[in-house]
Protein backbone atom coordinates (compact mmCIF):
# COMPACT_ATOMS: atom_id res chain seq x y z
CA UNK A 1 210.36 -35.54 30.06
CA UNK A 2 207.73 -35.56 27.36
CA UNK A 3 209.06 -37.29 24.25
CA UNK A 4 207.64 -34.49 22.12
CA UNK A 5 210.03 -31.96 23.64
CA UNK A 6 213.62 -31.47 22.48
CA UNK A 7 216.10 -31.43 25.36
CA UNK A 8 217.79 -28.13 26.13
CA UNK A 9 221.17 -27.85 24.45
CA UNK A 10 220.42 -30.50 21.79
CA UNK A 11 221.40 -29.57 18.23
CA UNK A 12 218.27 -28.35 16.47
CA UNK A 13 218.80 -30.67 13.49
CA UNK A 14 219.47 -33.82 15.56
CA UNK A 15 217.10 -36.76 15.57
CA UNK A 16 216.28 -37.42 19.24
CA UNK A 17 215.67 -40.95 20.54
CA UNK A 18 214.27 -41.59 24.02
CA UNK A 19 215.75 -44.65 25.72
CA UNK A 20 214.30 -46.39 28.77
CA UNK A 21 215.99 -49.14 30.77
CA UNK A 22 214.08 -50.96 33.51
CA UNK A 23 215.93 -54.28 33.64
CA UNK A 24 213.67 -57.16 32.78
CA UNK A 25 210.66 -54.90 32.10
CA UNK A 26 211.39 -52.25 29.45
CA UNK A 27 214.69 -52.16 27.63
CA UNK A 28 215.28 -49.69 24.78
CA UNK A 29 218.80 -49.39 23.45
CA UNK A 30 220.87 -48.32 20.47
CA UNK A 31 222.67 -51.27 18.85
CA UNK A 32 224.81 -49.13 16.53
CA UNK A 33 225.13 -45.53 15.43
CA UNK A 34 227.17 -42.55 16.54
CA UNK A 35 225.40 -40.20 18.93
CA UNK A 36 226.19 -36.48 18.80
CA UNK A 37 224.26 -35.51 21.94
CA UNK A 38 222.98 -37.12 25.11
CA UNK A 39 220.91 -36.01 28.06
CA UNK A 40 220.12 -38.15 31.09
CA UNK A 41 216.55 -37.65 32.34
CA UNK A 42 216.76 -39.91 35.37
CA UNK A 43 218.08 -43.27 36.46
CA UNK A 44 216.04 -45.10 33.85
CA UNK A 45 215.77 -42.60 30.99
CA UNK A 46 218.02 -40.73 28.63
CA UNK A 47 217.71 -39.05 25.27
CA UNK A 48 220.36 -39.42 22.58
CA UNK A 49 220.71 -37.46 19.35
CA UNK A 50 221.91 -38.45 15.87
CA UNK A 51 223.27 -36.22 13.13
CA UNK A 52 221.22 -35.81 9.94
CA UNK A 53 222.05 -38.54 7.43
CA UNK A 54 223.48 -40.96 10.00
CA UNK A 55 222.19 -44.50 10.46
CA UNK A 56 221.34 -46.15 13.76
CA UNK A 57 219.66 -49.30 15.06
CA UNK A 58 217.02 -48.88 17.77
CA UNK A 59 215.99 -51.98 19.73
CA UNK A 60 212.87 -52.09 21.91
CA UNK A 61 212.01 -54.98 24.20
CA UNK A 62 209.37 -55.23 26.94
CA UNK A 63 208.05 -57.99 29.19
CA UNK A 64 205.40 -58.55 31.82
CA UNK A 65 204.89 -61.28 34.41
CA UNK A 66 204.07 -63.78 31.64
CA UNK A 67 207.02 -63.14 29.33
CA UNK A 68 208.04 -60.98 26.39
CA UNK A 69 205.30 -58.72 25.08
CA UNK A 70 207.31 -56.87 22.42
CA UNK A 71 210.64 -57.16 20.70
CA UNK A 72 211.37 -54.86 17.79
CA UNK A 73 214.33 -53.50 15.87
CA UNK A 74 214.35 -50.49 13.58
CA UNK A 75 217.28 -49.39 11.44
CA UNK A 76 216.75 -45.74 10.68
CA UNK A 77 218.44 -42.93 8.77
CA UNK A 78 218.19 -39.62 10.61
CA UNK A 79 216.59 -37.08 8.28
CA UNK A 80 217.81 -33.66 7.25
CA UNK A 81 215.69 -30.52 7.61
CA UNK A 82 212.94 -30.42 5.01
CA UNK A 83 213.10 -34.13 4.14
CA UNK A 84 210.04 -36.30 4.45
CA UNK A 85 210.15 -38.97 7.14
CA UNK A 86 208.23 -41.77 8.79
CA UNK A 87 207.28 -41.52 12.44
CA UNK A 88 208.43 -43.99 15.05
CA UNK A 89 207.63 -44.24 18.75
CA UNK A 90 210.31 -42.58 20.90
CA UNK A 91 212.02 -41.01 17.84
CA UNK A 92 211.61 -37.29 17.12
CA UNK A 93 210.92 -36.10 14.56
CA UNK A 94 211.18 -39.55 12.89
CA UNK A 95 213.40 -40.93 10.16
CA UNK A 96 213.71 -42.95 7.02
CA UNK A 97 213.01 -46.52 8.09
CA UNK A 98 215.35 -48.93 6.31
CA UNK A 99 214.45 -52.00 8.36
CA UNK A 100 211.55 -52.56 10.75
CA UNK A 101 210.98 -56.01 12.20
CA UNK A 102 209.27 -57.43 15.25
CA UNK A 103 209.28 -60.80 16.97
CA UNK A 104 212.29 -62.10 18.84
CA UNK A 105 213.40 -64.63 16.19
CA UNK A 106 213.59 -61.89 13.51
CA UNK A 107 215.17 -59.36 15.88
CA UNK A 108 217.77 -61.94 16.89
CA UNK A 109 218.52 -62.71 13.23
CA UNK A 110 219.14 -59.00 12.57
CA UNK A 111 221.39 -58.77 15.63
CA UNK A 112 223.41 -61.75 14.34
CA UNK A 113 223.64 -60.08 10.90
CA UNK A 114 224.97 -56.92 12.58
CA UNK A 115 227.52 -59.03 14.50
CA UNK A 116 228.63 -60.65 11.21
CA UNK A 117 229.13 -57.21 9.61
CA UNK A 118 231.21 -56.08 12.57
CA UNK A 119 233.26 -59.31 12.31
CA UNK A 120 234.24 -58.15 8.80
CA UNK A 121 235.64 -54.97 10.35
CA UNK A 122 232.84 -52.82 8.91
CA UNK A 123 230.90 -50.33 11.00
CA UNK A 124 227.18 -51.20 10.60
CA UNK A 125 226.28 -47.50 10.34
CA UNK A 126 228.43 -47.33 7.17
CA UNK A 127 226.69 -50.25 5.45
CA UNK A 128 224.77 -49.58 2.25
CA UNK A 129 221.16 -48.61 3.03
CA UNK A 130 220.18 -51.04 0.27
CA UNK A 131 221.47 -53.94 2.37
CA UNK A 132 219.24 -53.00 5.31
CA UNK A 133 216.26 -52.75 2.94
CA UNK A 134 217.18 -56.17 1.49
CA UNK A 135 217.40 -57.67 4.99
CA UNK A 136 214.02 -56.17 5.89
CA UNK A 137 212.32 -57.44 2.74
CA UNK A 138 213.69 -60.97 3.00
CA UNK A 139 213.11 -61.45 6.73
CA UNK A 140 209.61 -59.97 6.49
CA UNK A 141 208.58 -62.94 4.34
CA UNK A 142 210.75 -65.52 6.13
CA UNK A 143 213.17 -65.96 3.24
CA UNK A 144 216.95 -66.31 3.44
CA UNK A 145 218.98 -63.16 2.85
CA UNK A 146 222.37 -62.45 1.33
CA UNK A 147 225.09 -61.71 3.86
CA UNK A 148 226.88 -58.38 3.48
CA UNK A 149 230.40 -58.74 2.08
CA UNK A 150 233.54 -56.65 1.90
CA UNK A 151 233.14 -56.55 -1.90
CA UNK A 152 229.59 -55.22 -1.58
CA UNK A 153 230.84 -52.63 0.92
CA UNK A 154 233.66 -51.49 -1.38
CA UNK A 155 231.16 -51.16 -4.25
CA UNK A 156 228.87 -49.06 -2.03
CA UNK A 157 231.77 -46.82 -0.97
CA UNK A 158 232.85 -46.29 -4.59
CA UNK A 159 229.28 -45.58 -5.69
CA UNK A 160 228.85 -43.02 -2.91
CA UNK A 161 232.29 -41.49 -3.60
CA UNK A 162 231.58 -40.65 -7.25
CA UNK A 163 229.11 -38.09 -5.99
CA UNK A 164 226.02 -39.50 -7.61
CA UNK A 165 224.48 -40.64 -4.34
CA UNK A 166 223.85 -39.27 -0.89
CA UNK A 167 224.92 -41.30 2.15
CA UNK A 168 221.39 -42.71 2.25
CA UNK A 169 221.75 -44.28 -1.20
CA UNK A 170 219.38 -41.90 -2.97
CA UNK A 171 220.36 -40.32 -6.28
CA UNK A 172 221.12 -36.61 -6.08
């Protein structure tokens, strides 16, 4: 399947992500996020879809005979129709990139941060977009970051609930 094509039966407003899994060679997976559609293309490929406004983490890793050649994590907000977006490989049409890091040490740090959020009983897809931007900015320059807290999450939920912000943290 060409990644530019939308699978038959996919919701027209869904953000489609192509995943490949060839153990030890190419491994693309979703770390968090709720899919609304899925189509298997073969043994090694599938396409998943995300609802507009939802957040997901997309991990890409590849190796050759000499070791790892790429490790990358992107935390993305699926866009709504008419919104501007940034393009990403294997993501159609694209999305709002909240975090984009490469290099195994940084990817691993983000995965540990996601684990810590889950340990608090918080779904990572519900975390404030500002936290993912903070994590991106701090890790990009090799600086320590602030861990997400229940208090920060409650503040984000209250801020979003008053109606002044979309689920992506942008003012209406």
